[in-house]
Amino acid sequence: MDLRTSTLTVLGAAAVLAAVIAARTGPNSRATAGTNDVPAAAKSPDAPPTPVIVELFTSEGCSSCPPADALLSRLGKTQPVPGAEIIALEEHVDYWDRLGWKDPFSSEAATDRQNDFGSAFGGAQIYTPQMIVDGRAQFVGSSDSDALRAIRAASQAQKPAVQLSWEKDDTLAVHVDALNPDATNPDAAKNAAPRDTSAVSGGHRKHAALRRAAR
């Protein structure tokens, strides 16, 4: 599964989580974004918080990772950025396993995803702990200041609308509206893929498919 398809799967899961959270908490449960170091977009006081995906690439065999693991857990539990709904994902890579301790949570898929991010960031070296916010910002995973800054920016960036619907043949359709080109991201619409489909091989919806359609 390539980075675009795997990111789509994460996006679909994040959209489901955000919908559940919004339904549970209601529109007035969180304050709107305040003054910070990122220009704020106009937002209704009743608007729900914006989902922001925070991924941490880590390993039990990495001696530098515990502070980053603790930071990710804290971000997910405390939700410290007004206007953002942080979706914290801890992904254990497997390249530390050969150094004496096999992480029971490690997977080749997590390593592949991190390698794909490395390529997407221009061939940047991968490492642990590495935190990636919304697939756009990457930094040392134990840096709380970098994490808060990136989450703040991601919560205020323009994002496509995501709609989920169950269709025939037990298919979960994920409709993602393409962003219009603007001064900050002129290639956004040009680079939008028309459709992606990802098969779900396990869980409650086994044999379902995730389909992305840019409109």
N, C-alpha and C. Protein backbone atom coordinates (compact mmCIF):
# COMPACT_ATOMS: atom_id res chain seq x y z
N MET A 1 0.85 -1.19 0.00
CA MET A 1 0.00 0.00 0.00
C MET A 1 0.88 1.24 0.00
N ASP A 2 0.70 2.16 -0.95
CA ASP A 2 1.55 3.34 -1.02
C ASP A 2 1.09 4.38 -0.02
N LEU A 3 1.88 5.47 0.09
CA LEU A 3 1.62 6.47 1.12
C LEU A 3 0.26 7.11 0.92
N ARG A 4 -0.12 7.40 -0.34
CA ARG A 4 -1.39 8.06 -0.58
C ARG A 4 -2.55 7.18 -0.14
N THR A 5 -2.50 5.89 -0.46
CA THR A 5 -3.57 4.98 -0.10
C THR A 5 -3.63 4.75 1.39
N SER A 6 -2.46 4.58 2.03
CA SER A 6 -2.45 4.34 3.47
C SER A 6 -2.89 5.59 4.22
N THR A 7 -2.51 6.76 3.70
CA THR A 7 -2.96 8.00 4.32
C THR A 7 -4.46 8.15 4.19
N LEU A 8 -5.01 7.72 3.06
CA LEU A 8 -6.45 7.76 2.86
C LEU A 8 -7.15 6.90 3.90
N THR A 9 -6.60 5.72 4.16
CA THR A 9 -7.20 4.84 5.16
C THR A 9 -7.19 5.51 6.53
N VAL A 10 -6.06 6.14 6.88
CA VAL A 10 -5.98 6.87 8.14
C VAL A 10 -6.96 8.02 8.15
N LEU A 11 -7.08 8.72 7.03
CA LEU A 11 -8.02 9.84 6.92
C LEU A 11 -9.44 9.37 7.13
N GLY A 12 -9.81 8.23 6.53
CA GLY A 12 -11.15 7.70 6.71
C GLY A 12 -11.42 7.36 8.15
N ALA A 13 -10.44 6.70 8.80
CA ALA A 13 -10.60 6.35 10.22
C ALA A 13 -10.71 7.61 11.07
N ALA A 14 -9.90 8.63 10.73
CA ALA A 14 -9.95 9.88 11.48
C ALA A 14 -11.29 10.56 11.34
N ALA A 15 -11.85 10.51 10.13
CA ALA A 15 -13.16 11.13 9.90
C ALA A 15 -14.23 10.44 10.73
N VAL A 16 -14.16 9.12 10.81
CA VAL A 16 -15.13 8.38 11.62
C VAL A 16 -14.99 8.77 13.08
N LEU A 17 -13.74 8.81 13.59
CA LEU A 17 -13.51 9.18 14.97
C LEU A 17 -14.00 10.59 15.25
N ALA A 18 -13.72 11.50 14.33
CA ALA A 18 -14.14 12.90 14.52
C ALA A 18 -15.65 13.01 14.55
N ALA A 19 -16.33 12.23 13.70
CA ALA A 19 -17.79 12.27 13.68
C ALA A 19 -18.37 11.76 14.99
N VAL A 20 -17.78 10.70 15.52
CA VAL A 20 -18.24 10.15 16.79
C VAL A 20 -18.01 11.14 17.92
N ILE A 21 -16.82 11.74 17.93
CA ILE A 21 -16.49 12.71 18.98
C ILE A 21 -17.42 13.91 18.91
N ALA A 22 -17.68 14.40 17.68
CA ALA A 22 -18.57 15.55 17.52
C ALA A 22 -19.97 15.24 18.00
N ALA A 23 -20.44 14.04 17.68
CA ALA A 23 -21.79 13.66 18.09
C ALA A 23 -21.89 13.51 19.61
N ARG A 24 -20.79 13.05 20.22
CA ARG A 24 -20.80 12.82 21.67
C ARG A 24 -20.69 14.11 22.46
N THR A 25 -19.85 15.03 21.99
CA THR A 25 -19.55 16.21 22.78
C THR A 25 -20.45 17.39 22.46
N GLY A 26 -20.96 17.46 21.25
CA GLY A 26 -21.78 18.59 20.88
C GLY A 26 -20.96 19.76 20.41
N PRO A 27 -21.57 20.74 19.75
CA PRO A 27 -20.83 21.83 19.12
C PRO A 27 -20.23 22.83 20.08
N ASN A 28 -20.72 22.89 21.33
CA ASN A 28 -20.26 23.94 22.22
C ASN A 28 -19.31 23.43 23.29
N SER A 29 -18.76 22.24 23.10
CA SER A 29 -17.95 21.64 24.14
C SER A 29 -16.51 22.12 24.13
N ARG A 30 -16.08 22.81 23.11
CA ARG A 30 -14.67 23.22 23.03
C ARG A 30 -14.58 24.67 22.56
N ALA A 31 -13.64 25.39 23.13
CA ALA A 31 -13.45 26.78 22.74
C ALA A 31 -12.89 26.87 21.34
N THR A 32 -13.13 28.00 20.69
CA THR A 32 -12.59 28.19 19.35
C THR A 32 -11.15 28.66 19.45
N ALA A 33 -10.44 28.61 18.30
CA ALA A 33 -9.03 28.97 18.29
C ALA A 33 -8.83 30.41 18.70
N GLY A 34 -7.79 30.64 19.49
CA GLY A 34 -7.50 31.99 19.93
C GLY A 34 -6.28 32.55 19.24
N THR A 35 -5.67 33.55 19.84
CA THR A 35 -4.50 34.18 19.24
C THR A 35 -3.28 33.28 19.40
N ASN A 36 -2.55 33.09 18.31
CA ASN A 36 -1.33 32.30 18.35
C ASN A 36 -0.42 32.72 17.21
N ASP A 37 0.60 31.93 16.93
CA ASP A 37 1.59 32.34 15.94
C ASP A 37 1.22 31.93 14.53
N VAL A 38 -0.02 31.46 14.31
CA VAL A 38 -0.48 31.10 12.98
C VAL A 38 -1.70 31.94 12.65
N PRO A 39 -1.75 32.58 11.46
CA PRO A 39 -2.92 33.37 11.11
C PRO A 39 -4.17 32.52 11.16
N ALA A 40 -5.18 32.96 11.90
CA ALA A 40 -6.39 32.17 12.08
C ALA A 40 -7.38 32.45 10.96
N ALA A 41 -8.02 31.38 10.48
CA ALA A 41 -9.09 31.52 9.51
C ALA A 41 -10.38 31.80 10.25
N ALA A 42 -11.31 32.50 9.59
CA ALA A 42 -12.60 32.79 10.18
C ALA A 42 -13.32 31.49 10.48
N LYS A 43 -13.85 31.39 11.72
CA LYS A 43 -14.48 30.15 12.14
C LYS A 43 -15.67 30.47 13.02
N SER A 44 -16.79 29.83 12.76
CA SER A 44 -17.97 30.05 13.56
C SER A 44 -17.73 29.58 14.99
N PRO A 45 -18.27 30.29 15.97
CA PRO A 45 -18.10 29.86 17.37
C PRO A 45 -18.67 28.46 17.63
N ASP A 46 -19.66 28.06 16.83
CA ASP A 46 -20.28 26.75 17.01
C ASP A 46 -19.65 25.67 16.15
N ALA A 47 -18.60 26.02 15.40
CA ALA A 47 -17.98 25.03 14.52
C ALA A 47 -17.28 23.96 15.35
N PRO A 48 -17.38 22.69 14.93
CA PRO A 48 -16.68 21.62 15.66
C PRO A 48 -15.18 21.75 15.50
N PRO A 49 -14.40 21.16 16.39
CA PRO A 49 -12.93 21.22 16.26
C PRO A 49 -12.47 20.49 15.01
N THR A 50 -11.34 20.92 14.47
CA THR A 50 -10.79 20.33 13.26
C THR A 50 -9.93 19.12 13.60
N PRO A 51 -10.20 17.96 12.98
CA PRO A 51 -9.35 16.78 13.24
C PRO A 51 -7.93 17.02 12.73
N VAL A 52 -6.95 16.67 13.55
CA VAL A 52 -5.54 16.75 13.18
C VAL A 52 -4.90 15.41 13.52
N ILE A 53 -4.30 14.76 12.53
CA ILE A 53 -3.68 13.46 12.74
C ILE A 53 -2.23 13.65 13.17
N VAL A 54 -1.89 13.10 14.32
CA VAL A 54 -0.53 13.17 14.84
C VAL A 54 0.02 11.74 14.92
N GLU A 55 1.04 11.46 14.12
CA GLU A 55 1.62 10.12 14.07
C GLU A 55 3.01 10.15 14.70
N LEU A 56 3.26 9.18 15.56
CA LEU A 56 4.57 9.04 16.17
C LEU A 56 5.17 7.70 15.78
N PHE A 57 6.33 7.75 15.14
CA PHE A 57 7.07 6.53 14.81
C PHE A 57 8.05 6.27 15.94
N THR A 58 7.89 5.11 16.58
CA THR A 58 8.60 4.82 17.81
C THR A 58 8.94 3.34 17.89
N SER A 59 9.60 2.96 18.98
CA SER A 59 9.92 1.55 19.21
C SER A 59 10.25 1.34 20.68
N GLU A 60 9.90 0.18 21.20
CA GLU A 60 10.26 -0.14 22.58
C GLU A 60 11.78 -0.31 22.72
N GLY A 61 12.47 -0.58 21.62
CA GLY A 61 13.92 -0.73 21.66
C GLY A 61 14.68 0.57 21.55
N CYS A 62 13.97 1.67 21.43
CA CYS A 62 14.59 2.99 21.26
C CYS A 62 14.66 3.70 22.61
N SER A 63 15.88 3.96 23.09
CA SER A 63 16.05 4.56 24.42
C SER A 63 15.61 6.02 24.46
N SER A 64 15.52 6.67 23.29
CA SER A 64 15.12 8.09 23.24
C SER A 64 13.62 8.26 23.10
N CYS A 65 12.87 7.17 22.98
CA CYS A 65 11.46 7.26 22.65
C CYS A 65 10.49 7.48 23.81
N PRO A 66 10.77 7.04 25.04
CA PRO A 66 9.78 7.21 26.10
C PRO A 66 9.25 8.63 26.29
N PRO A 67 10.10 9.69 26.23
CA PRO A 67 9.52 11.04 26.34
C PRO A 67 8.55 11.36 25.21
N ALA A 68 8.84 10.87 24.00
CA ALA A 68 7.95 11.10 22.87
C ALA A 68 6.65 10.31 23.04
N ASP A 69 6.75 9.08 23.53
CA ASP A 69 5.56 8.29 23.80
C ASP A 69 4.67 9.01 24.81
N ALA A 70 5.29 9.57 25.85
CA ALA A 70 4.53 10.28 26.88
C ALA A 70 3.88 11.54 26.30
N LEU A 71 4.61 12.24 25.42
CA LEU A 71 4.06 13.45 24.80
C LEU A 71 2.85 13.11 23.94
N LEU A 72 2.95 12.05 23.13
CA LEU A 72 1.81 11.68 22.29
C LEU A 72 0.60 11.34 23.14
N SER A 73 0.82 10.58 24.20
CA SER A 73 -0.28 10.22 25.09
C SER A 73 -0.90 11.46 25.71
N ARG A 74 -0.06 12.42 26.11
CA ARG A 74 -0.56 13.65 26.72
C ARG A 74 -1.36 14.48 25.72
N LEU A 75 -0.88 14.54 24.48
CA LEU A 75 -1.60 15.30 23.45
C LEU A 75 -2.99 14.71 23.23
N GLY A 76 -3.06 13.37 23.16
CA GLY A 76 -4.34 12.73 22.93
C GLY A 76 -5.30 12.88 24.08
N LYS A 77 -4.78 12.86 25.32
CA LYS A 77 -5.64 12.90 26.50
C LYS A 77 -6.07 14.32 26.86
N THR A 78 -5.16 15.27 26.74
CA THR A 78 -5.46 16.63 27.21
C THR A 78 -5.99 17.55 26.13
N GLN A 79 -5.76 17.20 24.83
CA GLN A 79 -6.23 18.05 23.73
C GLN A 79 -5.89 19.53 23.99
N PRO A 80 -4.61 19.87 24.02
CA PRO A 80 -4.19 21.20 24.47
C PRO A 80 -4.34 22.34 23.47
N VAL A 81 -4.71 22.04 22.23
CA VAL A 81 -4.79 23.10 21.22
C VAL A 81 -6.26 23.42 20.95
N PRO A 82 -6.75 24.59 21.34
CA PRO A 82 -8.14 24.96 21.07
C PRO A 82 -8.43 24.94 19.58
N GLY A 83 -9.56 24.37 19.21
CA GLY A 83 -9.95 24.32 17.80
C GLY A 83 -9.44 23.11 17.07
N ALA A 84 -8.63 22.26 17.74
CA ALA A 84 -8.09 21.05 17.12
C ALA A 84 -8.57 19.82 17.88
N GLU A 85 -8.93 18.79 17.16
CA GLU A 85 -9.25 17.48 17.74
C GLU A 85 -8.11 16.55 17.36
N ILE A 86 -7.18 16.35 18.28
CA ILE A 86 -5.97 15.58 17.99
C ILE A 86 -6.29 14.09 17.97
N ILE A 87 -5.93 13.45 16.86
CA ILE A 87 -6.07 12.00 16.72
C ILE A 87 -4.65 11.42 16.78
N ALA A 88 -4.30 10.86 17.93
CA ALA A 88 -2.94 10.41 18.19
C ALA A 88 -2.75 8.96 17.76
N LEU A 89 -1.76 8.72 16.90
CA LEU A 89 -1.47 7.38 16.39
C LEU A 89 -0.02 7.03 16.70
N GLU A 90 0.19 5.96 17.46
CA GLU A 90 1.54 5.50 17.77
C GLU A 90 1.87 4.31 16.89
N GLU A 91 2.91 4.44 16.07
CA GLU A 91 3.26 3.42 15.08
C GLU A 91 4.66 2.89 15.38
N HIS A 92 4.72 1.61 15.72
CA HIS A 92 5.99 0.99 16.13
C HIS A 92 6.68 0.37 14.93
N VAL A 93 7.86 0.88 14.62
CA VAL A 93 8.65 0.37 13.49
C VAL A 93 9.38 -0.91 13.91
N ASP A 94 9.85 -1.67 12.90
CA ASP A 94 10.47 -2.96 13.21
C ASP A 94 11.99 -2.98 13.03
N TYR A 95 12.61 -1.85 12.62
CA TYR A 95 14.05 -1.93 12.35
C TYR A 95 14.89 -1.92 13.62
N TRP A 96 14.27 -1.68 14.77
CA TRP A 96 14.98 -1.81 16.03
C TRP A 96 14.99 -3.26 16.53
N ASP A 97 14.13 -4.13 15.97
CA ASP A 97 13.96 -5.48 16.51
C ASP A 97 15.23 -6.32 16.42
N ARG A 98 16.07 -6.03 15.42
CA ARG A 98 17.26 -6.85 15.22
C ARG A 98 18.39 -6.49 16.18
N LEU A 99 18.17 -5.51 17.04
CA LEU A 99 19.25 -5.05 17.93
C LEU A 99 19.13 -5.64 19.33
N GLY A 100 18.34 -6.69 19.49
CA GLY A 100 18.32 -7.37 20.78
C GLY A 100 16.98 -7.47 21.47
N TRP A 101 16.04 -6.57 21.14
CA TRP A 101 14.72 -6.62 21.75
C TRP A 101 13.67 -6.50 20.66
N LYS A 102 12.78 -7.49 20.59
CA LYS A 102 11.72 -7.45 19.59
C LYS A 102 10.49 -6.77 20.19
N ASP A 103 10.17 -5.64 19.65
CA ASP A 103 9.00 -4.88 20.09
C ASP A 103 7.74 -5.66 19.69
N PRO A 104 6.90 -6.07 20.65
CA PRO A 104 5.71 -6.86 20.29
C PRO A 104 4.68 -6.07 19.49
N PHE A 105 4.81 -4.75 19.46
CA PHE A 105 3.87 -3.92 18.71
C PHE A 105 4.43 -3.48 17.36
N SER A 106 5.65 -3.89 17.04
CA SER A 106 6.28 -3.44 15.80
C SER A 106 5.66 -4.11 14.58
N SER A 107 5.79 -3.43 13.45
CA SER A 107 5.28 -3.99 12.20
C SER A 107 6.07 -3.45 11.02
N GLU A 108 6.16 -4.28 10.00
CA GLU A 108 6.81 -3.85 8.76
C GLU A 108 6.01 -2.73 8.10
N ALA A 109 4.69 -2.78 8.28
CA ALA A 109 3.83 -1.75 7.67
C ALA A 109 4.16 -0.37 8.22
N ALA A 110 4.44 -0.29 9.53
CA ALA A 110 4.78 1.01 10.12
C ALA A 110 6.11 1.51 9.56
N THR A 111 7.07 0.60 9.39
CA THR A 111 8.36 0.99 8.81
C THR A 111 8.18 1.44 7.37
N ASP A 112 7.37 0.72 6.60
CA ASP A 112 7.12 1.11 5.21
C ASP A 112 6.47 2.49 5.14
N ARG A 113 5.53 2.74 6.03
CA ARG A 113 4.86 4.04 6.03
C ARG A 113 5.86 5.15 6.35
N GLN A 114 6.73 4.91 7.32
CA GLN A 114 7.72 5.92 7.65
C GLN A 114 8.68 6.15 6.49
N ASN A 115 9.08 5.09 5.81
CA ASN A 115 9.94 5.24 4.63
C ASN A 115 9.25 6.05 3.54
N ASP A 116 7.95 5.81 3.36
CA ASP A 116 7.20 6.58 2.36
C ASP A 116 7.18 8.06 2.73
N PHE A 117 7.02 8.34 4.01
CA PHE A 117 7.07 9.74 4.44
C PHE A 117 8.46 10.33 4.17
N GLY A 118 9.50 9.54 4.41
CA GLY A 118 10.85 10.02 4.14
C GLY A 118 11.01 10.44 2.69
N SER A 119 10.45 9.62 1.79
CA SER A 119 10.51 9.97 0.36
C SER A 119 9.68 11.20 0.07
N ALA A 120 8.51 11.30 0.68
CA ALA A 120 7.63 12.45 0.45
C ALA A 120 8.25 13.74 0.95
N PHE A 121 9.08 13.65 1.99
CA PHE A 121 9.77 14.82 2.52
C PHE A 121 11.11 15.06 1.82
N GLY A 122 11.25 14.57 0.60
CA GLY A 122 12.44 14.85 -0.19
C GLY A 122 13.62 13.96 0.14
N GLY A 123 13.36 12.73 0.54
CA GLY A 123 14.44 11.82 0.85
C GLY A 123 15.04 12.03 2.22
N ALA A 124 14.25 12.64 3.12
CA ALA A 124 14.75 12.90 4.47
C ALA A 124 14.99 11.59 5.22
N GLN A 125 15.99 11.58 6.07
CA GLN A 125 16.32 10.40 6.84
C GLN A 125 15.22 10.11 7.86
N ILE A 126 14.88 8.83 8.02
CA ILE A 126 13.90 8.46 9.02
C ILE A 126 14.61 8.12 10.33
N TYR A 127 13.91 8.24 11.43
CA TYR A 127 14.52 8.03 12.73
C TYR A 127 13.40 7.84 13.76
N THR A 128 13.78 7.46 14.95
CA THR A 128 12.83 7.44 16.06
C THR A 128 13.43 8.23 17.22
N PRO A 129 12.60 8.97 17.93
CA PRO A 129 11.17 9.15 17.69
C PRO A 129 10.93 10.26 16.66
N GLN A 130 10.08 10.00 15.69
CA GLN A 130 9.73 10.98 14.67
C GLN A 130 8.23 11.21 14.72
N MET A 131 7.84 12.47 14.83
CA MET A 131 6.42 12.83 14.85
C MET A 131 6.08 13.53 13.55
N ILE A 132 4.93 13.17 12.98
CA ILE A 132 4.46 13.77 11.73
C ILE A 132 3.03 14.23 11.94
N VAL A 133 2.76 15.48 11.62
CA VAL A 133 1.45 16.08 11.83
C VAL A 133 0.75 16.31 10.50
N ASP A 134 -0.38 15.66 10.33
CA ASP A 134 -1.19 15.79 9.12
C ASP A 134 -0.41 15.52 7.84
N GLY A 135 0.67 14.75 7.94
CA GLY A 135 1.46 14.41 6.76
C GLY A 135 2.23 15.56 6.18
N ARG A 136 2.32 16.69 6.89
CA ARG A 136 2.95 17.89 6.33
C ARG A 136 4.15 18.38 7.13
N ALA A 137 4.15 18.18 8.42
CA ALA A 137 5.25 18.66 9.27
C ALA A 137 5.87 17.47 9.99
N GLN A 138 7.21 17.44 10.06
CA GLN A 138 7.90 16.37 10.76
C GLN A 138 9.00 16.96 11.63
N PHE A 139 9.22 16.33 12.79
CA PHE A 139 10.20 16.84 13.74
C PHE A 139 10.47 15.75 14.78
N VAL A 140 11.44 16.01 15.65
CA VAL A 140 11.76 15.06 16.72
C VAL A 140 10.54 14.91 17.62
N GLY A 141 10.14 13.66 17.85
CA GLY A 141 8.86 13.40 18.48
C GLY A 141 8.72 13.81 19.93
N SER A 142 9.80 14.16 20.58
CA SER A 142 9.72 14.57 21.98
C SER A 142 9.61 16.08 22.16
N SER A 143 9.56 16.83 21.06
CA SER A 143 9.51 18.29 21.13
C SER A 143 8.07 18.77 21.28
N ASP A 144 7.69 19.15 22.48
CA ASP A 144 6.32 19.61 22.68
C ASP A 144 6.06 20.94 21.98
N SER A 145 7.06 21.81 21.91
CA SER A 145 6.86 23.11 21.25
C SER A 145 6.63 22.93 19.76
N ASP A 146 7.41 22.06 19.12
CA ASP A 146 7.20 21.79 17.70
C ASP A 146 5.85 21.13 17.46
N ALA A 147 5.45 20.24 18.36
CA ALA A 147 4.17 19.54 18.21
C ALA A 147 3.01 20.53 18.29
N LEU A 148 3.03 21.39 19.30
CA LEU A 148 1.93 22.35 19.46
C LEU A 148 1.87 23.32 18.29
N ARG A 149 3.04 23.75 17.82
CA ARG A 149 3.08 24.68 16.68
C ARG A 149 2.51 24.03 15.42
N ALA A 150 2.89 22.79 15.17
CA ALA A 150 2.43 22.09 13.97
C ALA A 150 0.94 21.77 14.06
N ILE A 151 0.47 21.39 15.22
CA ILE A 151 -0.96 21.08 15.40
C ILE A 151 -1.79 22.33 15.22
N ARG A 152 -1.31 23.44 15.78
CA ARG A 152 -2.01 24.71 15.64
C ARG A 152 -2.15 25.09 14.16
N ALA A 153 -1.03 24.95 13.43
CA ALA A 153 -1.06 25.30 12.01
C ALA A 153 -1.99 24.37 11.25
N ALA A 154 -1.93 23.08 11.54
CA ALA A 154 -2.77 22.11 10.83
C ALA A 154 -4.25 22.34 11.10
N SER A 155 -4.58 22.76 12.31
CA SER A 155 -5.99 22.97 12.65
C SER A 155 -6.58 24.17 11.93
N GLN A 156 -5.72 25.08 11.45
CA GLN A 156 -6.19 26.29 10.79
C GLN A 156 -5.95 26.28 9.28
N ALA A 157 -5.33 25.21 8.80
CA ALA A 157 -5.09 25.11 7.36
C ALA A 157 -6.38 24.69 6.63
N GLN A 158 -6.46 25.07 5.38
CA GLN A 158 -7.60 24.67 4.57
C GLN A 158 -7.57 23.16 4.36
N LYS A 159 -8.72 22.52 4.55
CA LYS A 159 -8.80 21.08 4.38
C LYS A 159 -10.02 20.73 3.55
N PRO A 160 -9.95 19.60 2.85
CA PRO A 160 -11.11 19.18 2.06
C PRO A 160 -12.21 18.64 2.95
N ALA A 161 -13.44 18.75 2.48
CA ALA A 161 -14.56 18.14 3.19
C ALA A 161 -14.53 16.63 2.96
N VAL A 162 -14.81 15.88 4.01
CA VAL A 162 -14.82 14.42 3.93
C VAL A 162 -16.22 13.92 4.29
N GLN A 163 -16.79 13.09 3.43
CA GLN A 163 -18.11 12.51 3.68
C GLN A 163 -18.00 11.00 3.59
N LEU A 164 -18.64 10.30 4.52
CA LEU A 164 -18.63 8.85 4.56
C LEU A 164 -20.03 8.32 4.32
N SER A 165 -20.13 7.25 3.57
CA SER A 165 -21.44 6.63 3.35
C SER A 165 -21.26 5.15 3.03
N TRP A 166 -22.16 4.33 3.59
CA TRP A 166 -22.14 2.91 3.26
C TRP A 166 -22.94 2.69 1.99
N GLU A 167 -22.37 1.96 1.05
CA GLU A 167 -23.02 1.69 -0.21
C GLU A 167 -23.19 0.19 -0.39
N LYS A 168 -23.68 -0.22 -1.53
CA LYS A 168 -23.94 -1.63 -1.78
C LYS A 168 -22.65 -2.44 -1.70
N ASP A 169 -22.80 -3.73 -1.52
CA ASP A 169 -21.66 -4.66 -1.40
C ASP A 169 -20.79 -4.34 -0.19
N ASP A 170 -21.43 -3.76 0.86
CA ASP A 170 -20.71 -3.49 2.10
C ASP A 170 -19.48 -2.63 1.86
N THR A 171 -19.64 -1.60 1.04
CA THR A 171 -18.54 -0.70 0.70
C THR A 171 -18.69 0.62 1.45
N LEU A 172 -17.63 1.01 2.14
CA LEU A 172 -17.59 2.31 2.79
C LEU A 172 -16.99 3.31 1.82
N ALA A 173 -17.81 4.21 1.32
CA ALA A 173 -17.34 5.22 0.37
C ALA A 173 -16.85 6.44 1.13
N VAL A 174 -15.63 6.85 0.85
CA VAL A 174 -15.04 8.03 1.45
C VAL A 174 -14.91 9.08 0.37
N HIS A 175 -15.75 10.10 0.42
CA HIS A 175 -15.75 11.16 -0.59
C HIS A 175 -14.95 12.35 -0.07
N VAL A 176 -13.91 12.71 -0.78
CA VAL A 176 -13.04 13.81 -0.38
C VAL A 176 -13.10 14.89 -1.44
N ASP A 177 -13.61 16.06 -1.07
CA ASP A 177 -13.67 17.17 -2.01
C ASP A 177 -12.27 17.73 -2.25
N ALA A 178 -11.94 17.95 -3.51
CA ALA A 178 -10.63 18.53 -3.84
C ALA A 178 -10.59 19.99 -3.39
N LEU A 179 -9.44 20.40 -2.89
CA LEU A 179 -9.25 21.79 -2.51
C LEU A 179 -9.07 22.65 -3.75
N ASN A 180 -9.57 23.87 -3.69
CA ASN A 180 -9.33 24.81 -4.78
C ASN A 180 -7.92 25.36 -4.66
N PRO A 181 -7.23 25.56 -5.78
CA PRO A 181 -5.88 26.13 -5.72
C PRO A 181 -5.92 27.51 -5.08
N ASP A 182 -4.93 27.82 -4.27
CA ASP A 182 -4.82 29.16 -3.70
C ASP A 182 -3.35 29.56 -3.66
N ALA A 183 -3.10 30.70 -3.09
CA ALA A 183 -1.73 31.22 -3.10
C ALA A 183 -0.77 30.34 -2.32
N THR A 184 -1.29 29.65 -1.29
CA THR A 184 -0.40 28.86 -0.46
C THR A 184 -0.24 27.43 -0.95
N ASN A 185 -1.15 26.98 -1.81
CA ASN A 185 -1.08 25.60 -2.28
C ASN A 185 -1.64 25.52 -3.70
N PRO A 186 -0.95 26.08 -4.67
CA PRO A 186 -1.49 26.18 -6.02
C PRO A 186 -1.68 24.85 -6.72
N ASP A 187 -1.01 23.79 -6.27
CA ASP A 187 -1.12 22.50 -6.95
C ASP A 187 -2.10 21.54 -6.27
N ALA A 188 -2.85 22.03 -5.29
CA ALA A 188 -3.70 21.13 -4.51
C ALA A 188 -4.72 20.41 -5.39
N ALA A 189 -5.46 21.17 -6.20
CA ALA A 189 -6.50 20.55 -7.01
C ALA A 189 -5.89 19.74 -8.15
N LYS A 190 -4.80 20.25 -8.72
CA LYS A 190 -4.18 19.57 -9.85
C LYS A 190 -3.70 18.18 -9.47
N ASN A 191 -3.21 18.04 -8.22
CA ASN A 191 -2.64 16.78 -7.79
C ASN A 191 -3.65 15.83 -7.16
N ALA A 192 -4.91 16.24 -7.08
CA ALA A 192 -5.92 15.36 -6.47
C ALA A 192 -6.17 14.15 -7.35
N ALA A 193 -6.14 12.97 -6.73
CA ALA A 193 -6.41 11.74 -7.47
C ALA A 193 -7.91 11.56 -7.62
N PRO A 194 -8.39 11.03 -8.75
CA PRO A 194 -9.82 10.90 -8.96
C PRO A 194 -10.47 9.87 -8.06
N ARG A 195 -9.79 8.77 -7.75
CA ARG A 195 -10.41 7.76 -6.92
C ARG A 195 -9.36 6.76 -6.44
N ASP A 196 -9.47 6.37 -5.18
CA ASP A 196 -8.65 5.31 -4.62
C ASP A 196 -9.56 4.34 -3.91
N THR A 197 -9.21 3.06 -3.92
CA THR A 197 -9.98 2.05 -3.20
C THR A 197 -9.03 1.23 -2.36
N SER A 198 -9.39 1.03 -1.09
CA SER A 198 -8.57 0.25 -0.18
C SER A 198 -9.42 -0.84 0.44
N ALA A 199 -9.03 -2.11 0.27
CA ALA A 199 -9.78 -3.22 0.83
C ALA A 199 -9.51 -3.33 2.33
N VAL A 200 -10.57 -3.61 3.09
CA VAL A 200 -10.46 -3.82 4.53
C VAL A 200 -10.41 -5.31 4.77
N SER A 201 -9.28 -5.81 5.27
CA SER A 201 -9.09 -7.26 5.37
C SER A 201 -9.41 -7.83 6.74
N GLY A 202 -9.76 -6.98 7.70
CA GLY A 202 -10.07 -7.50 9.01
C GLY A 202 -10.98 -6.57 9.77
N GLY A 203 -11.36 -7.00 11.00
CA GLY A 203 -12.21 -6.17 11.83
C GLY A 203 -13.68 -6.39 11.55
N HIS A 204 -14.51 -5.51 12.14
CA HIS A 204 -15.96 -5.67 12.04
C HIS A 204 -16.46 -5.61 10.60
N ARG A 205 -15.77 -4.82 9.77
CA ARG A 205 -16.20 -4.66 8.38
C ARG A 205 -15.25 -5.38 7.43
N LYS A 206 -14.87 -6.60 7.78
CA LYS A 206 -13.99 -7.38 6.94
C LYS A 206 -14.60 -7.54 5.56
N HIS A 207 -13.76 -7.48 4.53
CA HIS A 207 -14.13 -7.58 3.12
C HIS A 207 -14.81 -6.33 2.59
N ALA A 208 -14.90 -5.28 3.43
CA ALA A 208 -15.41 -4.01 2.90
C ALA A 208 -14.30 -3.32 2.15
N ALA A 209 -14.61 -2.21 1.50
CA ALA A 209 -13.59 -1.48 0.75
C ALA A 209 -13.72 -0.01 1.07
N LEU A 210 -12.58 0.66 1.17
CA LEU A 210 -12.56 2.11 1.33
C LEU A 210 -12.33 2.72 -0.04
N ARG A 211 -13.25 3.57 -0.46
CA ARG A 211 -13.12 4.18 -1.78
C ARG A 211 -13.04 5.68 -1.62
N ARG A 212 -12.08 6.27 -2.30
CA ARG A 212 -11.93 7.73 -2.29
C ARG A 212 -12.34 8.28 -3.63
N ALA A 213 -13.18 9.30 -3.59
CA ALA A 213 -13.58 9.96 -4.82
C ALA A 213 -13.42 11.45 -4.65
N ALA A 214 -12.51 12.08 -5.39
CA ALA A 214 -12.34 13.53 -5.35
C ALA A 214 -13.37 14.15 -6.26
N ARG A 215 -14.04 15.20 -5.77
CA ARG A 215 -15.10 15.79 -6.58
C ARG A 215 -14.81 17.25 -6.82
